[in-house]
Amino acid sequence: MASGGVVRLSAEHIPSLVSRLASYGALSLQTRTVLRLLRARINPAPFRLFAAGTEGADLVTVTAMEMTPGRAVLDVCGPESSAGRQRLDSLLRAPELAELWRRPVRVEFIAEGLTGVLRSVAESYSLRWIVDMNETFRLFVRPDHLSVPPPAHRPGLEVRSLEKRHLALVENRWGYSRDLIWDVSAMMEAGQRAGLAVGVFLKEGDEAHPDTPLDEPVAWSLVNAYGATGFGYTEPAFRGRGLQIMVLHELVRRSKQLGLPFFGYTKDSNKPAIYNFLMCGMEAKCVVIG
């Protein structure tokens, strides 16, 4: 029997757990998607899934994924109520999870109201907390009832899947530190293998930019191993043409085909990304820390 009501769950428990977490709405969207991707092996990482409160209210979960050897990425979910925070604190400190804190861990986006709990637990294990609390992110979600946008047809342009070799370019244009987000390659590769990495390519030479290779994307985005769309970028010479919206619309179609929700995160200060999300039909939801 697990201590303090903590239970370890397997892949076979995921469907029922996802159903229970649905009552939390947008707050649990990432967790529900992470669990579905793990069960479907779209995210092939070994994982351990823990829950507390499965027999009552204030269900909390921790999913530990070994995206790279010897390091864990955590998905943490629970209500931001006082009872939810207390239960999450107990779960994170449970003996069953003690091994997690003996090595570097990274937490994927977490609800703002739960960050204090996580920080307290991490510091109790002498782990350094590296988060810029001055820069918040917001979850954007595309409602399921919206119709799927039609395929885009623009003269001289083609929207198609990124190949694995393109991921080096995507990472090179990415604006964050690999030292802190060490699983960046693994999270991109999972999306690319699933057909959820898309770019805009030139079909013919651009008179204004004749040196642009036809086999390299000029704009792109992808859905990562945790279900969120991200890594969006448009080469400076091709901005202002709506290419990122073309990419997002294609990702919406592909996500729908896999039965996945469409969501993403961006900083409140990233006005271009917010504009693209809104033009894609996405709506701003809860504030998160990442």
C-alpha atoms as a PDB file:
ATOM      1  CA  MET A   1       0.000   0.000   0.000  1.00  0.00           C
ATOM      2  CA  ALA A   2       1.390   3.430  -0.879  1.00  0.00           C
ATOM      3  CA  SER A   3       2.087   5.885   1.913  1.00  0.00           C
ATOM      4  CA  GLY A   4      -0.271   8.732   2.734  1.00  0.00           C
ATOM      5  CA  GLY A   5      -2.778   7.872   0.023  1.00  0.00           C
ATOM      6  CA  VAL A   6      -0.144   8.064  -2.738  1.00  0.00           C
ATOM      7  CA  VAL A   7      -0.667   5.576  -5.543  1.00  0.00           C
ATOM      8  CA  ARG A   8       1.501   4.729  -8.512  1.00  0.00           C
ATOM      9  CA  LEU A   9      -0.497   4.240 -11.682  1.00  0.00           C
ATOM     10  CA  SER A  10       0.280   2.496 -14.959  1.00  0.00           C
ATOM     11  CA  ALA A  11      -0.651   3.204 -18.567  1.00  0.00           C
ATOM     12  CA  GLU A  12      -3.862   1.200 -18.208  1.00  0.00           C
ATOM     13  CA  HIS A  13      -5.126   3.694 -15.612  1.00  0.00           C
ATOM     14  CA  ILE A  14      -4.616   6.716 -17.871  1.00  0.00           C
ATOM     15  CA  PRO A  15      -8.058   6.814 -19.587  1.00  0.00           C
ATOM     16  CA  SER A  16      -9.957   6.922 -16.289  1.00  0.00           C
ATOM     17  CA  LEU A  17      -7.500   9.413 -14.804  1.00  0.00           C
ATOM     18  CA  VAL A  18      -7.829  11.689 -17.833  1.00  0.00           C
ATOM     19  CA  SER A  19     -11.611  11.588 -17.428  1.00  0.00           C
ATOM     20  CA  ARG A  20     -11.355  12.641 -13.792  1.00  0.00           C
ATOM     21  CA  LEU A  21      -8.910  15.442 -14.528  1.00  0.00           C
ATOM     22  CA  ALA A  22     -11.248  16.884 -17.169  1.00  0.00           C
ATOM     23  CA  SER A  23     -13.260  18.552 -14.396  1.00  0.00           C
ATOM     24  CA  TYR A  24     -10.327  20.950 -13.884  1.00  0.00           C
ATOM     25  CA  GLY A  25     -10.769  22.334 -17.404  1.00  0.00           C
ATOM     26  CA  ALA A  26      -7.864  24.304 -18.870  1.00  0.00           C
ATOM     27  CA  LEU A  27      -5.878  23.818 -15.662  1.00  0.00           C
ATOM     28  CA  SER A  28      -5.392  20.126 -16.485  1.00  0.00           C
ATOM     29  CA  LEU A  29      -5.252  20.321 -20.294  1.00  0.00           C
ATOM     30  CA  GLN A  30      -1.491  19.855 -20.508  1.00  0.00           C
ATOM     31  CA  THR A  31      -1.535  16.912 -18.094  1.00  0.00           C
ATOM     32  CA  ARG A  32      -4.373  15.169 -19.887  1.00  0.00           C
ATOM     33  CA  THR A  33      -2.566  15.578 -23.202  1.00  0.00           C
ATOM     34  CA  VAL A  34       0.783  14.446 -21.775  1.00  0.00           C
ATOM     35  CA  LEU A  35      -0.830  11.275 -20.448  1.00  0.00           C
ATOM     36  CA  ARG A  36      -2.539  10.507 -23.746  1.00  0.00           C
ATOM     37  CA  LEU A  37       0.703  11.017 -25.675  1.00  0.00           C
ATOM     38  CA  LEU A  38       2.592   8.748 -23.280  1.00  0.00           C
ATOM     39  CA  ARG A  39      -0.043   6.028 -23.522  1.00  0.00           C
ATOM     40  CA  ALA A  40      -0.051   6.236 -27.334  1.00  0.00           C
ATOM     41  CA  ARG A  41       3.782   6.211 -27.340  1.00  0.00           C
ATOM     42  CA  ILE A  42       3.841   9.416 -29.375  1.00  0.00           C
ATOM     43  CA  ASN A  43       5.986  10.500 -26.475  1.00  0.00           C
ATOM     44  CA  PRO A  44       8.083   7.335 -26.040  1.00  0.00           C
ATOM     45  CA  ALA A  45       9.791   8.366 -22.793  1.00  0.00           C
ATOM     46  CA  PRO A  46       9.794   5.975 -19.823  1.00  0.00           C
ATOM     47  CA  PHE A  47       7.533   7.472 -17.179  1.00  0.00           C
ATOM     48  CA  ARG A  48       6.256   7.102 -13.647  1.00  0.00           C
ATOM     49  CA  LEU A  49       2.811   8.365 -12.734  1.00  0.00           C
ATOM     50  CA  PHE A  50       1.772   9.168  -9.175  1.00  0.00           C
ATOM     51  CA  ALA A  51      -1.531  10.444  -7.824  1.00  0.00           C
ATOM     52  CA  ALA A  52      -3.090  11.360  -4.509  1.00  0.00           C
ATOM     53  CA  GLY A  53      -6.722  11.994  -3.775  1.00  0.00           C
ATOM     54  CA  THR A  54      -7.998   9.367  -6.176  1.00  0.00           C
ATOM     55  CA  GLU A  55     -10.767   8.455  -3.752  1.00  0.00           C
ATOM     56  CA  GLY A  56     -11.879  11.989  -3.006  1.00  0.00           C
ATOM     57  CA  ALA A  57     -11.738  15.599  -4.068  1.00  0.00           C
ATOM     58  CA  ASP A  58      -8.637  17.624  -4.920  1.00  0.00           C
ATOM     59  CA  LEU A  59      -6.964  15.007  -7.089  1.00  0.00           C
ATOM     60  CA  VAL A  60      -3.292  15.824  -7.730  1.00  0.00           C
ATOM     61  CA  THR A  61      -0.869  14.082 -10.074  1.00  0.00           C
ATOM     62  CA  VAL A  62       2.850  14.035 -10.812  1.00  0.00           C
ATOM     63  CA  THR A  63       4.172  12.470 -14.007  1.00  0.00           C
ATOM     64  CA  ALA A  64       7.943  11.981 -14.170  1.00  0.00           C
ATOM     65  CA  MET A  65       9.293  11.455 -17.694  1.00  0.00           C
ATOM     66  CA  GLU A  66      12.876  10.448 -18.431  1.00  0.00           C
ATOM     67  CA  MET A  67      13.222  12.409 -21.652  1.00  0.00           C
ATOM     68  CA  THR A  68      17.014  12.175 -21.424  1.00  0.00           C
ATOM     69  CA  PRO A  69      19.007   9.612 -19.405  1.00  0.00           C
ATOM     70  CA  GLY A  70      19.390  10.481 -15.742  1.00  0.00           C
ATOM     71  CA  ARG A  71      17.172  13.560 -15.809  1.00  0.00           C
ATOM     72  CA  ALA A  72      13.453  13.913 -15.219  1.00  0.00           C
ATOM     73  CA  VAL A  73      10.854  16.262 -16.635  1.00  0.00           C
ATOM     74  CA  LEU A  74       7.844  16.628 -14.358  1.00  0.00           C
ATOM     75  CA  ASP A  75       4.260  17.389 -15.250  1.00  0.00           C
ATOM     76  CA  VAL A  76       2.408  18.519 -12.129  1.00  0.00           C
ATOM     77  CA  CYS A  77      -1.349  18.966 -11.921  1.00  0.00           C
ATOM     78  CA  GLY A  78      -3.802  19.880  -9.207  1.00  0.00           C
ATOM     79  CA  PRO A  79      -6.326  22.507  -8.171  1.00  0.00           C
ATOM     80  CA  GLU A  80      -5.046  25.835  -6.883  1.00  0.00           C
ATOM     81  CA  SER A  81      -7.221  25.586  -3.763  1.00  0.00           C
ATOM     82  CA  SER A  82      -5.706  25.420  -0.281  1.00  0.00           C
ATOM     83  CA  ALA A  83      -6.622  21.733  -0.011  1.00  0.00           C
ATOM     84  CA  GLY A  84      -5.143  21.057  -3.440  1.00  0.00           C
ATOM     85  CA  ARG A  85      -1.858  22.744  -2.554  1.00  0.00           C
ATOM     86  CA  GLN A  86      -1.624  20.796   0.708  1.00  0.00           C
ATOM     87  CA  ARG A  87      -2.251  17.503  -1.037  1.00  0.00           C
ATOM     88  CA  LEU A  88       0.293  18.314  -3.738  1.00  0.00           C
ATOM     89  CA  ASP A  89       2.874  19.177  -1.081  1.00  0.00           C
ATOM     90  CA  SER A  90       2.307  15.791   0.574  1.00  0.00           C
ATOM     91  CA  LEU A  91       2.554  13.981  -2.758  1.00  0.00           C
ATOM     92  CA  LEU A  92       5.810  15.673  -3.756  1.00  0.00           C
ATOM     93  CA  ARG A  93       7.351  14.840  -0.360  1.00  0.00           C
ATOM     94  CA  ALA A  94       6.162  11.216  -0.326  1.00  0.00           C
ATOM     95  CA  PRO A  95       8.853   8.496  -0.016  1.00  0.00           C
ATOM     96  CA  GLU A  96       7.779   7.111  -3.388  1.00  0.00           C
ATOM     97  CA  LEU A  97       9.004  10.306  -5.062  1.00  0.00           C
ATOM     98  CA  ALA A  98      12.171  10.842  -3.011  1.00  0.00           C
ATOM     99  CA  GLU A  99      14.411   9.402  -5.733  1.00  0.00           C
ATOM    100  CA  LEU A 100      13.260  12.085  -8.169  1.00  0.00           C
ATOM    101  CA  TRP A 101      14.847  14.831  -6.108  1.00  0.00           C
ATOM    102  CA  ARG A 102      18.306  13.237  -6.110  1.00  0.00           C
ATOM    103  CA  ARG A 103      18.990  14.418  -9.655  1.00  0.00           C
ATOM    104  CA  PRO A 104      18.240  17.469 -11.800  1.00  0.00           C
ATOM    105  CA  VAL A 105      14.560  17.892 -12.576  1.00  0.00           C
ATOM    106  CA  ARG A 106      12.726  20.267 -14.860  1.00  0.00           C
ATOM    107  CA  VAL A 107       9.062  21.097 -14.495  1.00  0.00           C
ATOM    108  CA  GLU A 108       6.994  21.712 -17.592  1.00  0.00           C
ATOM    109  CA  PHE A 109       4.507  24.601 -17.385  1.00  0.00           C
ATOM    110  CA  ILE A 110       2.684  24.656 -14.054  1.00  0.00           C
ATOM    111  CA  ALA A 111      -0.277  26.677 -12.777  1.00  0.00           C
ATOM    112  CA  GLU A 112       0.865  29.880 -11.122  1.00  0.00           C
ATOM    113  CA  GLY A 113      -0.926  29.023  -7.879  1.00  0.00           C
ATOM    114  CA  LEU A 114       1.077  25.796  -7.442  1.00  0.00           C
ATOM    115  CA  THR A 115       4.574  27.209  -7.915  1.00  0.00           C
ATOM    116  CA  GLY A 116       5.032  28.018  -4.225  1.00  0.00           C
ATOM    117  CA  VAL A 117       4.494  24.371  -3.304  1.00  0.00           C
ATOM    118  CA  LEU A 118       6.954  23.148  -5.892  1.00  0.00           C
ATOM    119  CA  ARG A 119       9.573  25.695  -4.921  1.00  0.00           C
ATOM    120  CA  SER A 120       9.306  24.810  -1.230  1.00  0.00           C
ATOM    121  CA  VAL A 121       9.732  21.096  -1.914  1.00  0.00           C
ATOM    122  CA  ALA A 122      12.636  21.608  -4.325  1.00  0.00           C
ATOM    123  CA  GLU A 123      14.495  23.820  -1.869  1.00  0.00           C
ATOM    124  CA  SER A 124      13.958  21.300   0.933  1.00  0.00           C
ATOM    125  CA  TYR A 125      15.982  18.869  -1.200  1.00  0.00           C
ATOM    126  CA  SER A 126      18.668  21.548  -1.752  1.00  0.00           C
ATOM    127  CA  LEU A 127      17.771  21.988  -5.410  1.00  0.00           C
ATOM    128  CA  ARG A 128      18.287  25.428  -6.895  1.00  0.00           C
ATOM    129  CA  TRP A 129      15.076  27.036  -8.148  1.00  0.00           C
ATOM    130  CA  ILE A 130      15.699  28.685 -11.532  1.00  0.00           C
ATOM    131  CA  VAL A 131      12.581  30.551 -12.616  1.00  0.00           C
ATOM    132  CA  ASP A 132      12.061  34.141 -13.680  1.00  0.00           C
ATOM    133  CA  MET A 133       8.945  35.003 -11.702  1.00  0.00           C
ATOM    134  CA  ASN A 134       8.822  38.397 -13.418  1.00  0.00           C
ATOM    135  CA  GLU A 135       7.967  36.799 -16.776  1.00  0.00           C
ATOM    136  CA  THR A 136       4.684  34.921 -16.800  1.00  0.00           C
ATOM    137  CA  PHE A 137       3.256  32.805 -19.562  1.00  0.00           C
ATOM    138  CA  ARG A 138      -0.352  32.357 -20.555  1.00  0.00           C
ATOM    139  CA  LEU A 139      -2.084  29.267 -21.839  1.00  0.00           C
ATOM    140  CA  PHE A 140      -3.968  29.700 -25.131  1.00  0.00           C
ATOM    141  CA  VAL A 141      -6.472  27.046 -26.216  1.00  0.00           C
ATOM    142  CA  ARG A 142      -8.400  26.590 -29.449  1.00  0.00           C
ATOM    143  CA  PRO A 143     -11.998  25.581 -28.593  1.00  0.00           C
ATOM    144  CA  ASP A 144     -12.926  22.122 -29.853  1.00  0.00           C
ATOM    145  CA  HIS A 145     -16.181  23.344 -31.393  1.00  0.00           C
ATOM    146  CA  LEU A 146     -14.431  25.535 -33.962  1.00  0.00           C
ATOM    147  CA  SER A 147     -14.348  24.175 -37.482  1.00  0.00           C
ATOM    148  CA  VAL A 148     -11.067  22.942 -38.904  1.00  0.00           C
ATOM    149  CA  PRO A 149      -9.520  25.594 -41.171  1.00  0.00           C
ATOM    150  CA  PRO A 150      -9.210  24.639 -44.845  1.00  0.00           C
ATOM    151  CA  PRO A 151      -5.772  23.918 -46.332  1.00  0.00           C
ATOM    152  CA  ALA A 152      -3.893  27.042 -47.329  1.00  0.00           C
ATOM    153  CA  HIS A 153      -3.002  27.611 -50.971  1.00  0.00           C
ATOM    154  CA  ARG A 154      -0.662  30.501 -51.670  1.00  0.00           C
ATOM    155  CA  PRO A 155       1.183  31.031 -54.965  1.00  0.00           C
ATOM    156  CA  GLY A 156       4.808  29.983 -54.728  1.00  0.00           C
ATOM    157  CA  LEU A 157       4.437  28.506 -51.232  1.00  0.00           C
ATOM    158  CA  GLU A 158       3.922  25.005 -49.883  1.00  0.00           C
ATOM    159  CA  VAL A 159       3.038  23.856 -46.366  1.00  0.00           C
ATOM    160  CA  ARG A 160       4.517  20.456 -45.576  1.00  0.00           C
ATOM    161  CA  SER A 161       6.082  18.340 -42.850  1.00  0.00           C
ATOM    162  CA  LEU A 162       9.489  19.133 -41.462  1.00  0.00           C
ATOM    163  CA  GLU A 163      12.101  16.431 -41.862  1.00  0.00           C
ATOM    164  CA  LYS A 164      14.311  15.386 -38.971  1.00  0.00           C
ATOM    165  CA  ARG A 165      17.247  17.267 -40.484  1.00  0.00           C
ATOM    166  CA  HIS A 166      15.265  20.510 -40.226  1.00  0.00           C
ATOM    167  CA  LEU A 167      15.130  20.278 -36.429  1.00  0.00           C
ATOM    168  CA  ALA A 168      18.688  21.575 -36.123  1.00  0.00           C
ATOM    169  CA  LEU A 169      17.535  24.801 -37.788  1.00  0.00           C
ATOM    170  CA  VAL A 170      14.487  24.987 -35.507  1.00  0.00           C
ATOM    171  CA  GLU A 171      16.637  24.606 -32.404  1.00  0.00           C
ATOM    172  CA  ASN A 172      19.193  27.104 -33.695  1.00  0.00           C
ATOM    173  CA  ARG A 173      16.494  29.782 -33.991  1.00  0.00           C
ATOM    174  CA  TRP A 174      14.991  28.875 -30.619  1.00  0.00           C
ATOM    175  CA  GLY A 175      15.442  31.575 -28.010  1.00  0.00           C
ATOM    176  CA  TYR A 176      16.016  29.601 -24.804  1.00  0.00           C
ATOM    177  CA  SER A 177      18.945  27.905 -23.082  1.00  0.00           C
ATOM    178  CA  ARG A 178      19.516  24.215 -23.691  1.00  0.00           C
ATOM    179  CA  ASP A 179      21.370  24.133 -20.370  1.00  0.00           C
ATOM    180  CA  LEU A 180      18.042  24.720 -18.614  1.00  0.00           C
ATOM    181  CA  ILE A 181      15.732  22.906 -21.033  1.00  0.00           C
ATOM    182  CA  TRP A 182      17.881  19.874 -21.741  1.00  0.00           C
ATOM    183  CA  ASP A 183      15.054  17.858 -23.298  1.00  0.00           C
ATOM    184  CA  VAL A 184      14.574  20.236 -26.236  1.00  0.00           C
ATOM    185  CA  SER A 185      15.765  17.740 -28.869  1.00  0.00           C
ATOM    186  CA  ALA A 186      13.617  14.927 -27.488  1.00  0.00           C
ATOM    187  CA  MET A 187      10.494  17.087 -27.302  1.00  0.00           C
ATOM    188  CA  MET A 188      10.940  18.260 -30.910  1.00  0.00           C
ATOM    189  CA  GLU A 189      11.692  14.796 -32.279  1.00  0.00           C
ATOM    190  CA  ALA A 190       8.517  13.350 -30.759  1.00  0.00           C
ATOM    191  CA  GLY A 191       6.412  15.917 -32.596  1.00  0.00           C
ATOM    192  CA  GLN A 192       8.304  15.462 -35.844  1.00  0.00           C
ATOM    193  CA  ARG A 193       7.897  11.668 -35.779  1.00  0.00           C
ATOM    194  CA  ALA A 194       4.152  12.087 -35.237  1.00  0.00           C
ATOM    195  CA  GLY A 195       3.814  14.413 -38.237  1.00  0.00           C
ATOM    196  CA  LEU A 196       3.210  17.402 -35.973  1.00  0.00           C
ATOM    197  CA  ALA A 197       6.115  19.530 -37.202  1.00  0.00           C
ATOM    198  CA  VAL A 198       5.225  21.786 -40.115  1.00  0.00           C
ATOM    199  CA  GLY A 199       6.942  24.424 -42.209  1.00  0.00           C
ATOM    200  CA  VAL A 200       6.302  26.764 -45.113  1.00  0.00           C
ATOM    201  CA  PHE A 201       8.624  26.170 -48.073  1.00  0.00           C
ATOM    202  CA  LEU A 202       9.146  28.071 -51.296  1.00  0.00           C
ATOM    203  CA  LYS A 203       7.931  26.126 -54.329  1.00  0.00           C
ATOM    204  CA  GLU A 204       9.884  28.296 -56.706  1.00  0.00           C
ATOM    205  CA  GLY A 205      12.578  30.911 -56.440  1.00  0.00           C
ATOM    206  CA  ASP A 206      11.608  34.149 -54.708  1.00  0.00           C
ATOM    207  CA  GLU A 207      12.754  37.067 -56.859  1.00  0.00           C
ATOM    208  CA  ALA A 208      13.428  39.179 -53.791  1.00  0.00           C
ATOM    209  CA  HIS A 209      15.383  36.359 -52.101  1.00  0.00           C
ATOM    210  CA  PRO A 210      16.861  34.199 -54.854  1.00  0.00           C
ATOM    211  CA  ASP A 211      19.365  32.523 -52.527  1.00  0.00           C
ATOM    212  CA  THR A 212      16.706  30.979 -50.268  1.00  0.00           C
ATOM    213  CA  PRO A 213      16.926  27.151 -50.629  1.00  0.00           C
ATOM    214  CA  LEU A 214      13.721  25.425 -51.708  1.00  0.00           C
ATOM    215  CA  ASP A 215      14.364  22.528 -49.329  1.00  0.00           C
ATOM    216  CA  GLU A 216      14.627  24.699 -46.197  1.00  0.00           C
ATOM    217  CA  PRO A 217      11.553  26.137 -44.429  1.00  0.00           C
ATOM    218  CA  VAL A 218      11.109  29.886 -44.126  1.00  0.00           C
ATOM    219  CA  ALA A 219       8.539  29.571 -41.305  1.00  0.00           C
ATOM    220  CA  TRP A 220       7.684  26.730 -38.944  1.00  0.00           C
ATOM    221  CA  SER A 221       6.146  25.504 -35.717  1.00  0.00           C
ATOM    222  CA  LEU A 222       5.546  22.128 -34.107  1.00  0.00           C
ATOM    223  CA  VAL A 223       3.622  20.319 -31.408  1.00  0.00           C
ATOM    224  CA  ASN A 224       6.081  19.053 -28.820  1.00  0.00           C
ATOM    225  CA  ALA A 225       6.222  15.859 -26.764  1.00  0.00           C
ATOM    226  CA  TYR A 226       3.953  17.430 -24.130  1.00  0.00           C
ATOM    227  CA  GLY A 227       1.220  18.391 -26.601  1.00  0.00           C
ATOM    228  CA  ALA A 228       1.824  22.147 -26.812  1.00  0.00           C
ATOM    229  CA  THR A 229       2.467  24.012 -30.033  1.00  0.00           C
ATOM    230  CA  GLY A 230       5.682  25.975 -29.922  1.00  0.00           C
ATOM    231  CA  PHE A 231       9.042  26.765 -31.517  1.00  0.00           C
ATOM    232  CA  GLY A 232       7.222  29.080 -33.925  1.00  0.00           C
ATOM    233  CA  TYR A 233       9.553  31.174 -36.055  1.00  0.00           C
ATOM    234  CA  THR A 234       9.525  33.024 -39.360  1.00  0.00           C
ATOM    235  CA  GLU A 235      12.731  34.087 -41.052  1.00  0.00           C
ATOM    236  CA  PRO A 236      12.959  37.912 -40.930  1.00  0.00           C
ATOM    237  CA  ALA A 237      12.853  38.348 -44.713  1.00  0.00           C
ATOM    238  CA  PHE A 238       9.484  36.569 -44.872  1.00  0.00           C
ATOM    239  CA  ARG A 239       7.640  38.177 -41.975  1.00  0.00           C
ATOM    240  CA  GLY A 240       4.412  40.081 -42.427  1.00  0.00           C
ATOM    241  CA  ARG A 241       2.965  37.561 -44.905  1.00  0.00           C
ATOM    242  CA  GLY A 242       0.866  35.504 -42.471  1.00  0.00           C
ATOM    243  CA  LEU A 243       3.067  32.428 -42.853  1.00  0.00           C
ATOM    244  CA  GLN A 244       2.925  31.503 -39.177  1.00  0.00           C
ATOM    245  CA  ILE A 245      -0.872  31.431 -39.317  1.00  0.00           C
ATOM    246  CA  MET A 246      -0.655  29.045 -42.285  1.00  0.00           C
ATOM    247  CA  VAL A 247       1.556  26.773 -40.185  1.00  0.00           C
ATOM    248  CA  LEU A 248      -0.754  26.905 -37.159  1.00  0.00           C
ATOM    249  CA  HIS A 249      -3.806  26.094 -39.268  1.00  0.00           C
ATOM    250  CA  GLU A 250      -2.056  23.025 -40.646  1.00  0.00           C
ATOM    251  CA  LEU A 251      -1.099  21.926 -37.136  1.00  0.00           C
ATOM    252  CA  VAL A 252      -4.726  22.341 -36.055  1.00  0.00           C
ATOM    253  CA  ARG A 253      -5.793  19.965 -38.844  1.00  0.00           C
ATOM    254  CA  ARG A 254      -3.167  17.386 -37.970  1.00  0.00           C
ATOM    255  CA  SER A 255      -3.895  17.579 -34.246  1.00  0.00           C
ATOM    256  CA  LYS A 256      -7.598  17.057 -34.931  1.00  0.00           C
ATOM    257  CA  GLN A 257      -6.797  13.961 -36.982  1.00  0.00           C
ATOM    258  CA  LEU A 258      -5.021  12.522 -33.939  1.00  0.00           C
ATOM    259  CA  GLY A 259      -7.832  13.538 -31.595  1.00  0.00           C
ATOM    260  CA  LEU A 260      -5.628  16.006 -29.729  1.00  0.00           C
ATOM    261  CA  PRO A 261      -6.541  19.436 -28.363  1.00  0.00           C
ATOM    262  CA  PHE A 262      -4.699  22.432 -29.756  1.00  0.00           C
ATOM    263  CA  PHE A 263      -2.992  24.686 -27.244  1.00  0.00           C
ATOM    264  CA  GLY A 264       0.191  26.619 -26.630  1.00  0.00           C
ATOM    265  CA  TYR A 265       1.941  28.977 -24.251  1.00  0.00           C
ATOM    266  CA  THR A 266       3.520  32.344 -24.784  1.00  0.00           C
ATOM    267  CA  LYS A 267       4.849  35.193 -22.721  1.00  0.00           C
ATOM    268  CA  ASP A 268       2.477  38.071 -22.104  1.00  0.00           C
ATOM    269  CA  SER A 269       5.125  40.276 -23.718  1.00  0.00           C
ATOM    270  CA  ASN A 270       5.239  38.275 -26.977  1.00  0.00           C
ATOM    271  CA  LYS A 271       2.695  40.268 -28.960  1.00  0.00           C
ATOM    272  CA  PRO A 272       3.363  38.610 -32.373  1.00  0.00           C
ATOM    273  CA  ALA A 273       2.765  35.129 -30.932  1.00  0.00           C
ATOM    274  CA  ILE A 274      -0.407  36.279 -29.177  1.00  0.00           C
ATOM    275  CA  TYR A 275      -1.661  37.792 -32.434  1.00  0.00           C
ATOM    276  CA  ASN A 276      -1.007  34.549 -34.319  1.00  0.00           C
ATOM    277  CA  PHE A 277      -2.750  32.486 -31.647  1.00  0.00           C
ATOM    278  CA  LEU A 278      -5.803  34.746 -31.690  1.00  0.00           C
ATOM    279  CA  MET A 279      -5.954  34.678 -35.492  1.00  0.00           C
ATOM    280  CA  CYS A 280      -5.966  30.894 -35.239  1.00  0.00           C
ATOM    281  CA  GLY A 281      -9.056  31.006 -33.008  1.00  0.00           C
ATOM    282  CA  MET A 282      -7.253  30.372 -29.735  1.00  0.00           C
ATOM    283  CA  GLU A 283      -8.433  31.903 -26.462  1.00  0.00           C
ATOM    284  CA  ALA A 284      -6.381  33.086 -23.485  1.00  0.00           C
ATOM    285  CA  LYS A 285      -6.793  30.965 -20.366  1.00  0.00           C
ATOM    286  CA  CYS A 286      -4.847  30.604 -17.118  1.00  0.00           C
ATOM    287  CA  VAL A 287      -1.481  32.098 -16.185  1.00  0.00           C
ATOM    288  CA  VAL A 288       1.343  29.585 -15.847  1.00  0.00           C
ATOM    289  CA  ILE A 289       5.001  29.559 -14.874  1.00  0.00           C
ATOM    290  CA  GLY A 290       7.526  27.796 -17.069  1.00  0.00           C
END
